[in-house]
PDB file of all heavy atoms in Angstrom:
ATOM      1  N   SER A   1     -31.048  10.374   7.275  1.00  0.00           N
ATOM      2  CA  SER A   1     -31.332   9.403   6.224  1.00  0.00           C
ATOM      3  C   SER A   1     -31.110  10.031   4.852  1.00  0.00           C
ATOM      4  O   SER A   1     -31.543  11.153   4.593  1.00  0.00           O
ATOM      5  CB  SER A   1     -32.774   8.921   6.349  1.00  0.00           C
ATOM      6  OG  SER A   1     -33.056   7.994   5.330  1.00  0.00           O
ATOM      7  N   LEU A   2     -30.434   9.309   3.968  1.00  0.00           N
ATOM      8  CA  LEU A   2     -30.152   9.822   2.638  1.00  0.00           C
ATOM      9  C   LEU A   2     -30.780   8.961   1.554  1.00  0.00           C
ATOM     10  O   LEU A   2     -31.490   9.464   0.697  1.00  0.00           O
ATOM     11  CB  LEU A   2     -28.642   9.922   2.411  1.00  0.00           C
ATOM     12  CG  LEU A   2     -28.224  10.423   1.040  1.00  0.00           C
ATOM     13  CD1 LEU A   2     -28.616  11.888   0.862  1.00  0.00           C
ATOM     14  CD2 LEU A   2     -26.735  10.243   0.830  1.00  0.00           C
ATOM     15  N   ALA A   3     -30.518   7.661   1.576  1.00  0.00           N
ATOM     16  CA  ALA A   3     -30.985   6.788   0.499  1.00  0.00           C
ATOM     17  C   ALA A   3     -31.204   5.379   1.030  1.00  0.00           C
ATOM     18  O   ALA A   3     -30.601   4.983   2.035  1.00  0.00           O
ATOM     19  CB  ALA A   3     -29.969   6.761  -0.632  1.00  0.00           C
ATOM     20  N   SER A   4     -32.051   4.623   0.326  1.00  0.00           N
ATOM     21  CA  SER A   4     -32.264   3.218   0.674  1.00  0.00           C
ATOM     22  C   SER A   4     -32.690   2.467  -0.567  1.00  0.00           C
ATOM     23  O   SER A   4     -33.130   3.047  -1.554  1.00  0.00           O
ATOM     24  CB  SER A   4     -33.319   3.075   1.773  1.00  0.00           C
ATOM     25  OG  SER A   4     -34.568   3.539   1.310  1.00  0.00           O
ATOM     26  N   GLY A   5     -32.534   1.151  -0.507  1.00  0.00           N
ATOM     27  CA  GLY A   5     -32.951   0.322  -1.630  1.00  0.00           C
ATOM     28  C   GLY A   5     -32.688  -1.145  -1.370  1.00  0.00           C
ATOM     29  O   GLY A   5     -31.974  -1.515  -0.442  1.00  0.00           O
ATOM     30  N   GLY A   6     -33.276  -1.952  -2.210  1.00  0.00           N
ATOM     31  CA  GLY A   6     -33.108  -3.397  -2.110  1.00  0.00           C
ATOM     32  C   GLY A   6     -33.066  -4.014  -3.488  1.00  0.00           C
ATOM     33  O   GLY A   6     -33.460  -3.389  -4.479  1.00  0.00           O
ATOM     34  N   ALA A   7     -32.558  -5.236  -3.552  1.00  0.00           N
ATOM     35  CA  ALA A   7     -32.477  -5.945  -4.821  1.00  0.00           C
ATOM     36  C   ALA A   7     -32.571  -7.448  -4.561  1.00  0.00           C
ATOM     37  O   ALA A   7     -32.020  -7.944  -3.576  1.00  0.00           O
ATOM     38  CB  ALA A   7     -31.174  -5.615  -5.542  1.00  0.00           C
ATOM     39  N   PRO A   8     -33.252  -8.167  -5.451  1.00  0.00           N
ATOM     40  CA  PRO A   8     -33.399  -9.611  -5.285  1.00  0.00           C
ATOM     41  C   PRO A   8     -32.205 -10.381  -5.851  1.00  0.00           C
ATOM     42  O   PRO A   8     -32.361 -11.356  -6.581  1.00  0.00           O
ATOM     43  CB  PRO A   8     -34.681  -9.910  -6.061  1.00  0.00           C
ATOM     44  CG  PRO A   8     -34.670  -8.912  -7.169  1.00  0.00           C
ATOM     45  CD  PRO A   8     -34.039  -7.669  -6.572  1.00  0.00           C
ATOM     46  N   VAL A   9     -30.999  -9.947  -5.534  1.00  0.00           N
ATOM     47  CA  VAL A   9     -29.798 -10.614  -6.039  1.00  0.00           C
ATOM     48  C   VAL A   9     -29.448 -11.787  -5.135  1.00  0.00           C
ATOM     49  O   VAL A   9     -29.788 -11.800  -3.955  1.00  0.00           O
ATOM     50  CB  VAL A   9     -28.603  -9.634  -6.129  1.00  0.00           C
ATOM     51  CG1 VAL A   9     -28.891  -8.530  -7.123  1.00  0.00           C
ATOM     52  CG2 VAL A   9     -28.264  -9.044  -4.777  1.00  0.00           C
ATOM     53  N   ASN A  10     -28.792 -12.780  -5.705  1.00  0.00           N
ATOM     54  CA  ASN A  10     -28.347 -13.895  -4.880  1.00  0.00           C
ATOM     55  C   ASN A  10     -26.945 -14.295  -5.298  1.00  0.00           C
ATOM     56  O   ASN A  10     -26.491 -13.979  -6.393  1.00  0.00           O
ATOM     57  CB  ASN A  10     -29.323 -15.079  -4.961  1.00  0.00           C
ATOM     58  CG  ASN A  10     -29.535 -15.547  -6.380  1.00  0.00           C
ATOM     59  OD1 ASN A  10     -28.589 -15.855  -7.088  1.00  0.00           O
ATOM     60  ND2 ASN A  10     -30.782 -15.593  -6.803  1.00  0.00           N
ATOM     61  N   GLY A  11     -26.270 -14.943  -4.389  1.00  0.00           N
ATOM     62  CA  GLY A  11     -24.912 -15.373  -4.660  1.00  0.00           C
ATOM     63  C   GLY A  11     -24.292 -16.033  -3.453  1.00  0.00           C
ATOM     64  O   GLY A  11     -24.959 -16.334  -2.470  1.00  0.00           O
ATOM     65  N   VAL A  12     -22.992 -16.231  -3.565  1.00  0.00           N
ATOM     66  CA  VAL A  12     -22.233 -16.899  -2.520  1.00  0.00           C
ATOM     67  C   VAL A  12     -20.940 -16.122  -2.295  1.00  0.00           C
ATOM     68  O   VAL A  12     -20.261 -15.766  -3.254  1.00  0.00           O
ATOM     69  CB  VAL A  12     -21.892 -18.351  -2.925  1.00  0.00           C
ATOM     70  CG1 VAL A  12     -21.031 -19.022  -1.870  1.00  0.00           C
ATOM     71  CG2 VAL A  12     -23.149 -19.148  -3.190  1.00  0.00           C
ATOM     72  N   VAL A  13     -20.629 -15.878  -1.038  1.00  0.00           N
ATOM     73  CA  VAL A  13     -19.330 -15.313  -0.685  1.00  0.00           C
ATOM     74  C   VAL A  13     -18.514 -16.476  -0.134  1.00  0.00           C
ATOM     75  O   VAL A  13     -18.925 -17.119   0.836  1.00  0.00           O
ATOM     76  CB  VAL A  13     -19.445 -14.199   0.380  1.00  0.00           C
ATOM     77  CG1 VAL A  13     -18.084 -13.564   0.630  1.00  0.00           C
ATOM     78  CG2 VAL A  13     -20.457 -13.144  -0.042  1.00  0.00           C
ATOM     79  N   PRO A  14     -17.383 -16.789  -0.766  1.00  0.00           N
ATOM     80  CA  PRO A  14     -16.609 -17.948  -0.313  1.00  0.00           C
ATOM     81  C   PRO A  14     -16.107 -17.789   1.119  1.00  0.00           C
ATOM     82  O   PRO A  14     -15.953 -16.662   1.613  1.00  0.00           O
ATOM     83  CB  PRO A  14     -15.435 -18.020  -1.295  1.00  0.00           C
ATOM     84  CG  PRO A  14     -15.502 -16.806  -2.138  1.00  0.00           C
ATOM     85  CD  PRO A  14     -16.771 -16.074  -1.864  1.00  0.00           C
ATOM     86  N   ALA A  15     -15.835 -18.904   1.767  1.00  0.00           N
ATOM     87  CA  ALA A  15     -15.248 -18.867   3.098  1.00  0.00           C
ATOM     88  C   ALA A  15     -13.958 -18.058   3.046  1.00  0.00           C
ATOM     89  O   ALA A  15     -13.152 -18.225   2.123  1.00  0.00           O
ATOM     90  CB  ALA A  15     -14.967 -20.290   3.584  1.00  0.00           C
ATOM     91  N   PHE A  16     -13.787 -17.163   4.001  1.00  0.00           N
ATOM     92  CA  PHE A  16     -12.616 -16.286   4.089  1.00  0.00           C
ATOM     93  C   PHE A  16     -12.386 -15.505   2.795  1.00  0.00           C
ATOM     94  O   PHE A  16     -11.267 -15.132   2.476  1.00  0.00           O
ATOM     95  CB  PHE A  16     -11.356 -17.072   4.460  1.00  0.00           C
ATOM     96  CG  PHE A  16     -11.480 -17.811   5.749  1.00  0.00           C
ATOM     97  CD1 PHE A  16     -11.509 -19.201   5.779  1.00  0.00           C
ATOM     98  CD2 PHE A  16     -11.595 -17.124   6.947  1.00  0.00           C
ATOM     99  CE1 PHE A  16     -11.637 -19.882   6.970  1.00  0.00           C
ATOM    100  CE2 PHE A  16     -11.717 -17.802   8.148  1.00  0.00           C
ATOM    101  CZ  PHE A  16     -11.741 -19.192   8.156  1.00  0.00           C
ATOM    102  N   GLY A  17     -13.454 -15.244   2.054  1.00  0.00           N
ATOM    103  CA  GLY A  17     -13.341 -14.536   0.778  1.00  0.00           C
ATOM    104  C   GLY A  17     -14.179 -13.283   0.752  1.00  0.00           C
ATOM    105  O   GLY A  17     -14.731 -12.840   1.764  1.00  0.00           O
ATOM    106  N   GLU A  18     -14.271 -12.705  -0.429  1.00  0.00           N
ATOM    107  CA  GLU A  18     -15.042 -11.479  -0.596  1.00  0.00           C
ATOM    108  C   GLU A  18     -15.621 -11.413  -1.999  1.00  0.00           C
ATOM    109  O   GLU A  18     -15.179 -12.118  -2.903  1.00  0.00           O
ATOM    110  CB  GLU A  18     -14.191 -10.245  -0.314  1.00  0.00           C
ATOM    111  CG  GLU A  18     -13.036 -10.050  -1.259  1.00  0.00           C
ATOM    112  CD  GLU A  18     -12.208  -8.822  -0.911  1.00  0.00           C
ATOM    113  OE1 GLU A  18     -11.951  -8.572   0.278  1.00  0.00           O
ATOM    114  OE2 GLU A  18     -11.822  -8.117  -1.854  1.00  0.00           O
ATOM    115  N   THR A  19     -16.619 -10.539  -2.145  1.00  0.00           N
ATOM    116  CA  THR A  19     -17.236 -10.274  -3.442  1.00  0.00           C
ATOM    117  C   THR A  19     -17.807  -8.870  -3.422  1.00  0.00           C
ATOM    118  O   THR A  19     -17.942  -8.269  -2.359  1.00  0.00           O
ATOM    119  CB  THR A  19     -18.335 -11.312  -3.766  1.00  0.00           C
ATOM    120  OG1 THR A  19     -18.727 -11.176  -5.122  1.00  0.00           O
ATOM    121  CG2 THR A  19     -19.554 -11.129  -2.868  1.00  0.00           C
ATOM    122  N   VAL A  20     -18.139  -8.344  -4.595  1.00  0.00           N
ATOM    123  CA  VAL A  20     -18.783  -7.038  -4.699  1.00  0.00           C
ATOM    124  C   VAL A  20     -20.229  -7.259  -5.119  1.00  0.00           C
ATOM    125  O   VAL A  20     -20.506  -7.978  -6.075  1.00  0.00           O
ATOM    126  CB  VAL A  20     -18.060  -6.124  -5.708  1.00  0.00           C
ATOM    127  CG1 VAL A  20     -18.831  -4.828  -5.920  1.00  0.00           C
ATOM    128  CG2 VAL A  20     -16.640  -5.821  -5.228  1.00  0.00           C
ATOM    129  N   VAL A  21     -21.147  -6.660  -4.374  1.00  0.00           N
ATOM    130  CA  VAL A  21     -22.577  -6.738  -4.645  1.00  0.00           C
ATOM    131  C   VAL A  21     -23.041  -5.360  -5.085  1.00  0.00           C
ATOM    132  O   VAL A  21     -22.732  -4.358  -4.437  1.00  0.00           O
ATOM    133  CB  VAL A  21     -23.356  -7.202  -3.389  1.00  0.00           C
ATOM    134  CG1 VAL A  21     -24.861  -7.181  -3.646  1.00  0.00           C
ATOM    135  CG2 VAL A  21     -22.897  -8.577  -2.955  1.00  0.00           C
ATOM    136  N   MET A  22     -23.775  -5.313  -6.189  1.00  0.00           N
ATOM    137  CA  MET A  22     -24.313  -4.057  -6.714  1.00  0.00           C
ATOM    138  C   MET A  22     -25.727  -3.863  -6.186  1.00  0.00           C
ATOM    139  O   MET A  22     -26.541  -4.778  -6.259  1.00  0.00           O
ATOM    140  CB  MET A  22     -24.319  -4.080  -8.235  1.00  0.00           C
ATOM    141  CG  MET A  22     -22.970  -4.444  -8.853  1.00  0.00           C
ATOM    142  SD  MET A  22     -21.685  -3.278  -8.459  1.00  0.00           S
ATOM    143  CE  MET A  22     -22.060  -2.017  -9.645  1.00  0.00           C
ATOM    144  N   LEU A  23     -26.000  -2.659  -5.648  1.00  0.00           N
ATOM    145  CA  LEU A  23     -27.302  -2.382  -5.052  1.00  0.00           C
ATOM    146  C   LEU A  23     -27.813  -1.013  -5.487  1.00  0.00           C
ATOM    147  O   LEU A  23     -27.218   0.012  -5.138  1.00  0.00           O
ATOM    148  CB  LEU A  23     -27.196  -2.420  -3.524  1.00  0.00           C
ATOM    149  CG  LEU A  23     -28.457  -2.027  -2.762  1.00  0.00           C
ATOM    150  CD1 LEU A  23     -29.596  -2.991  -3.034  1.00  0.00           C
ATOM    151  CD2 LEU A  23     -28.167  -1.952  -1.278  1.00  0.00           C
ATOM    152  N   PRO A  24     -28.912  -0.956  -6.239  1.00  0.00           N
ATOM    153  CA  PRO A  24     -29.499   0.345  -6.578  1.00  0.00           C
ATOM    154  C   PRO A  24     -30.246   0.909  -5.372  1.00  0.00           C
ATOM    155  O   PRO A  24     -30.957   0.190  -4.683  1.00  0.00           O
ATOM    156  CB  PRO A  24     -30.465   0.014  -7.723  1.00  0.00           C
ATOM    157  CG  PRO A  24     -30.805  -1.427  -7.546  1.00  0.00           C
ATOM    158  CD  PRO A  24     -29.626  -2.071  -6.863  1.00  0.00           C
ATOM    159  N   VAL A  25     -30.040   2.202  -5.107  1.00  0.00           N
ATOM    160  CA  VAL A  25     -30.740   2.879  -4.015  1.00  0.00           C
ATOM    161  C   VAL A  25     -31.358   4.167  -4.547  1.00  0.00           C
ATOM    162  O   VAL A  25     -30.922   4.703  -5.568  1.00  0.00           O
ATOM    163  CB  VAL A  25     -29.820   3.191  -2.814  1.00  0.00           C
ATOM    164  CG1 VAL A  25     -29.305   1.906  -2.184  1.00  0.00           C
ATOM    165  CG2 VAL A  25     -28.689   4.105  -3.202  1.00  0.00           C
ATOM    166  N   THR A  26     -32.359   4.644  -3.833  1.00  0.00           N
ATOM    167  CA  THR A  26     -33.067   5.858  -4.219  1.00  0.00           C
ATOM    168  C   THR A  26     -32.987   6.872  -3.089  1.00  0.00           C
ATOM    169  O   THR A  26     -33.155   6.528  -1.919  1.00  0.00           O
ATOM    170  CB  THR A  26     -34.552   5.538  -4.500  1.00  0.00           C
ATOM    171  OG1 THR A  26     -34.616   4.545  -5.519  1.00  0.00           O
ATOM    172  CG2 THR A  26     -35.311   6.774  -4.949  1.00  0.00           C
ATOM    173  N   ALA A  27     -32.720   8.120  -3.458  1.00  0.00           N
ATOM    174  CA  ALA A  27     -32.722   9.236  -2.514  1.00  0.00           C
ATOM    175  C   ALA A  27     -33.733  10.254  -3.014  1.00  0.00           C
ATOM    176  O   ALA A  27     -33.788  10.552  -4.208  1.00  0.00           O
ATOM    177  CB  ALA A  27     -31.333   9.872  -2.432  1.00  0.00           C
ATOM    178  N   SER A  28     -34.519  10.782  -2.100  1.00  0.00           N
ATOM    179  CA  SER A  28     -35.457  11.823  -2.523  1.00  0.00           C
ATOM    180  C   SER A  28     -34.681  13.106  -2.767  1.00  0.00           C
ATOM    181  O   SER A  28     -33.654  13.368  -2.133  1.00  0.00           O
ATOM    182  CB  SER A  28     -36.533  12.050  -1.461  1.00  0.00           C
ATOM    183  OG  SER A  28     -36.011  12.775  -0.372  1.00  0.00           O
ATOM    184  N   GLY A  29     -35.171  13.907  -3.675  1.00  0.00           N
ATOM    185  CA  GLY A  29     -34.552  15.200  -3.944  1.00  0.00           C
ATOM    186  C   GLY A  29     -34.537  16.070  -2.700  1.00  0.00           C
ATOM    187  O   GLY A  29     -33.608  16.849  -2.489  1.00  0.00           O
ATOM    188  N   LEU A  30     -35.543  15.895  -1.844  1.00  0.00           N
ATOM    189  CA  LEU A  30     -35.601  16.686  -0.609  1.00  0.00           C
ATOM    190  C   LEU A  30     -34.490  16.304   0.360  1.00  0.00           C
ATOM    191  O   LEU A  30     -33.905  17.173   1.015  1.00  0.00           O
ATOM    192  CB  LEU A  30     -36.974  16.525   0.049  1.00  0.00           C
ATOM    193  CG  LEU A  30     -38.150  17.053  -0.781  1.00  0.00           C
ATOM    194  CD1 LEU A  30     -39.466  16.739  -0.086  1.00  0.00           C
ATOM    195  CD2 LEU A  30     -38.005  18.531  -1.037  1.00  0.00           C
ATOM    196  N   SER A  31     -34.177  15.006   0.450  1.00  0.00           N
ATOM    197  CA  SER A  31     -33.099  14.614   1.360  1.00  0.00           C
ATOM    198  C   SER A  31     -31.751  15.090   0.836  1.00  0.00           C
ATOM    199  O   SER A  31     -30.890  15.503   1.618  1.00  0.00           O
ATOM    200  CB  SER A  31     -33.089  13.100   1.595  1.00  0.00           C
ATOM    201  OG  SER A  31     -32.786  12.395   0.412  1.00  0.00           O
ATOM    202  N   ILE A  32     -31.567  15.102  -0.480  1.00  0.00           N
ATOM    203  CA  ILE A  32     -30.332  15.631  -1.071  1.00  0.00           C
ATOM    204  C   ILE A  32     -30.249  17.139  -0.802  1.00  0.00           C
ATOM    205  O   ILE A  32     -29.195  17.662  -0.425  1.00  0.00           O
ATOM    206  CB  ILE A  32     -30.273  15.352  -2.583  1.00  0.00           C
ATOM    207  CG1 ILE A  32     -30.233  13.850  -2.855  1.00  0.00           C
ATOM    208  CG2 ILE A  32     -29.104  16.065  -3.233  1.00  0.00           C
ATOM    209  CD1 ILE A  32     -28.951  13.164  -2.513  1.00  0.00           C
ATOM    210  N   ALA A  33     -31.368  17.835  -0.988  1.00  0.00           N
ATOM    211  CA  ALA A  33     -31.389  19.290  -0.745  1.00  0.00           C
ATOM    212  C   ALA A  33     -31.076  19.601   0.716  1.00  0.00           C
ATOM    213  O   ALA A  33     -30.321  20.529   1.009  1.00  0.00           O
ATOM    214  CB  ALA A  33     -32.746  19.869  -1.134  1.00  0.00           C
ATOM    215  N   ARG A  34     -31.621  18.819   1.629  1.00  0.00           N
ATOM    216  CA  ARG A  34     -31.367  19.025   3.056  1.00  0.00           C
ATOM    217  C   ARG A  34     -29.879  18.872   3.356  1.00  0.00           C
ATOM    218  O   ARG A  34     -29.291  19.677   4.080  1.00  0.00           O
ATOM    219  CB  ARG A  34     -32.186  18.034   3.882  1.00  0.00           C
ATOM    220  CG  ARG A  34     -32.039  18.206   5.373  1.00  0.00           C
ATOM    221  CD  ARG A  34     -32.931  17.261   6.174  1.00  0.00           C
ATOM    222  NE  ARG A  34     -32.608  15.873   5.882  1.00  0.00           N
ATOM    223  CZ  ARG A  34     -33.483  14.960   5.460  1.00  0.00           C
ATOM    224  NH1 ARG A  34     -34.740  15.279   5.276  1.00  0.00           N
ATOM    225  NH2 ARG A  34     -33.104  13.728   5.220  1.00  0.00           N
ATOM    226  N   GLN A  35     -29.246  17.863   2.763  1.00  0.00           N
ATOM    227  CA  GLN A  35     -27.805  17.661   2.971  1.00  0.00           C
ATOM    228  C   GLN A  35     -27.008  18.836   2.402  1.00  0.00           C
ATOM    229  O   GLN A  35     -26.067  19.324   3.025  1.00  0.00           O
ATOM    230  CB  GLN A  35     -27.346  16.349   2.321  1.00  0.00           C
ATOM    231  CG  GLN A  35     -27.904  15.114   2.969  1.00  0.00           C
ATOM    232  CD  GLN A  35     -27.331  14.844   4.347  1.00  0.00           C
ATOM    233  OE1 GLN A  35     -26.269  15.334   4.712  1.00  0.00           O
ATOM    234  NE2 GLN A  35     -28.045  14.055   5.124  1.00  0.00           N
ATOM    235  N   ALA A  36     -27.392  19.291   1.205  1.00  0.00           N
ATOM    236  CA  ALA A  36     -26.676  20.406   0.573  1.00  0.00           C
ATOM    237  C   ALA A  36     -26.829  21.683   1.403  1.00  0.00           C
ATOM    238  O   ALA A  36     -25.857  22.431   1.596  1.00  0.00           O
ATOM    239  CB  ALA A  36     -27.197  20.637  -0.842  1.00  0.00           C
ATOM    240  N   ILE A  37     -28.027  21.937   1.910  1.00  0.00           N
ATOM    241  CA  ILE A  37     -28.255  23.133   2.738  1.00  0.00           C
ATOM    242  C   ILE A  37     -27.378  23.080   3.986  1.00  0.00           C
ATOM    243  O   ILE A  37     -26.773  24.080   4.370  1.00  0.00           O
ATOM    244  CB  ILE A  37     -29.752  23.261   3.101  1.00  0.00           C
ATOM    245  CG1 ILE A  37     -30.540  23.671   1.855  1.00  0.00           C
ATOM    246  CG2 ILE A  37     -29.957  24.252   4.235  1.00  0.00           C
ATOM    247  CD1 ILE A  37     -32.038  23.560   2.015  1.00  0.00           C
ATOM    248  N   ASN A  38     -27.277  21.910   4.611  1.00  0.00           N
ATOM    249  CA  ASN A  38     -26.434  21.780   5.801  1.00  0.00           C
ATOM    250  C   ASN A  38     -24.973  22.068   5.465  1.00  0.00           C
ATOM    251  O   ASN A  38     -24.281  22.747   6.226  1.00  0.00           O
ATOM    252  CB  ASN A  38     -26.566  20.390   6.410  1.00  0.00           C
ATOM    253  CG  ASN A  38     -27.876  20.190   7.134  1.00  0.00           C
ATOM    254  OD1 ASN A  38     -28.545  21.152   7.502  1.00  0.00           O
ATOM    255  ND2 ASN A  38     -28.255  18.940   7.331  1.00  0.00           N
ATOM    256  N   LEU A  39     -24.495  21.571   4.316  1.00  0.00           N
ATOM    257  CA  LEU A  39     -23.108  21.822   3.923  1.00  0.00           C
ATOM    258  C   LEU A  39     -22.872  23.303   3.654  1.00  0.00           C
ATOM    259  O   LEU A  39     -21.870  23.879   4.091  1.00  0.00           O
ATOM    260  CB  LEU A  39     -22.739  20.993   2.690  1.00  0.00           C
ATOM    261  CG  LEU A  39     -22.583  19.491   2.915  1.00  0.00           C
ATOM    262  CD1 LEU A  39     -22.391  18.768   1.590  1.00  0.00           C
ATOM    263  CD2 LEU A  39     -21.440  19.193   3.861  1.00  0.00           C
ATOM    264  N   PHE A  40     -23.802  23.941   2.931  1.00  0.00           N
ATOM    265  CA  PHE A  40     -23.671  25.372   2.642  1.00  0.00           C
ATOM    266  C   PHE A  40     -23.738  26.209   3.912  1.00  0.00           C
ATOM    267  O   PHE A  40     -23.015  27.183   4.070  1.00  0.00           O
ATOM    268  CB  PHE A  40     -24.728  25.839   1.645  1.00  0.00           C
ATOM    269  CG  PHE A  40     -24.506  25.338   0.257  1.00  0.00           C
ATOM    270  CD1 PHE A  40     -25.535  24.736  -0.444  1.00  0.00           C
ATOM    271  CD2 PHE A  40     -23.276  25.459  -0.368  1.00  0.00           C
ATOM    272  CE1 PHE A  40     -25.337  24.262  -1.737  1.00  0.00           C
ATOM    273  CE2 PHE A  40     -23.067  24.992  -1.661  1.00  0.00           C
ATOM    274  CZ  PHE A  40     -24.097  24.393  -2.342  1.00  0.00           C
ATOM    275  N   GLN A  41     -24.620  25.831   4.824  1.00  0.00           N
ATOM    276  CA  GLN A  41     -24.744  26.562   6.083  1.00  0.00           C
ATOM    277  C   GLN A  41     -23.454  26.461   6.888  1.00  0.00           C
ATOM    278  O   GLN A  41     -22.980  27.454   7.445  1.00  0.00           O
ATOM    279  CB  GLN A  41     -25.919  26.028   6.892  1.00  0.00           C
ATOM    280  CG  GLN A  41     -26.181  26.810   8.164  1.00  0.00           C
ATOM    281  CD  GLN A  41     -27.430  26.314   8.876  1.00  0.00           C
ATOM    282  OE1 GLN A  41     -27.966  25.256   8.560  1.00  0.00           O
ATOM    283  NE2 GLN A  41     -27.892  27.073   9.839  1.00  0.00           N
ATOM    284  N   ASN A  42     -22.859  25.273   6.936  1.00  0.00           N
ATOM    285  CA  ASN A  42     -21.587  25.110   7.637  1.00  0.00           C
ATOM    286  C   ASN A  42     -20.498  25.955   6.991  1.00  0.00           C
ATOM    287  O   ASN A  42     -19.692  26.573   7.689  1.00  0.00           O
ATOM    288  CB  ASN A  42     -21.166  23.644   7.668  1.00  0.00           C
ATOM    289  CG  ASN A  42     -21.997  22.827   8.629  1.00  0.00           C
ATOM    290  OD1 ASN A  42     -22.650  23.357   9.514  1.00  0.00           O
ATOM    291  ND2 ASN A  42     -21.974  21.518   8.442  1.00  0.00           N
ATOM    292  N   ALA A  43     -20.477  26.000   5.667  1.00  0.00           N
ATOM    293  CA  ALA A  43     -19.469  26.814   4.963  1.00  0.00           C
ATOM    294  C   ALA A  43     -19.673  28.297   5.264  1.00  0.00           C
ATOM    295  O   ALA A  43     -18.712  29.040   5.464  1.00  0.00           O
ATOM    296  CB  ALA A  43     -19.541  26.556   3.469  1.00  0.00           C
TER     297      ALA A  43
END
């Protein structure tokens, strides 16, 4: 797990269409550090 978040945004995606939705998420510094340690260890 790295980050999660939610937003009370609303809208419509057209039939056979697409849109971009913006979503703020939060990651704890500890989860970022854990990922960085794993990358450094692999290196």
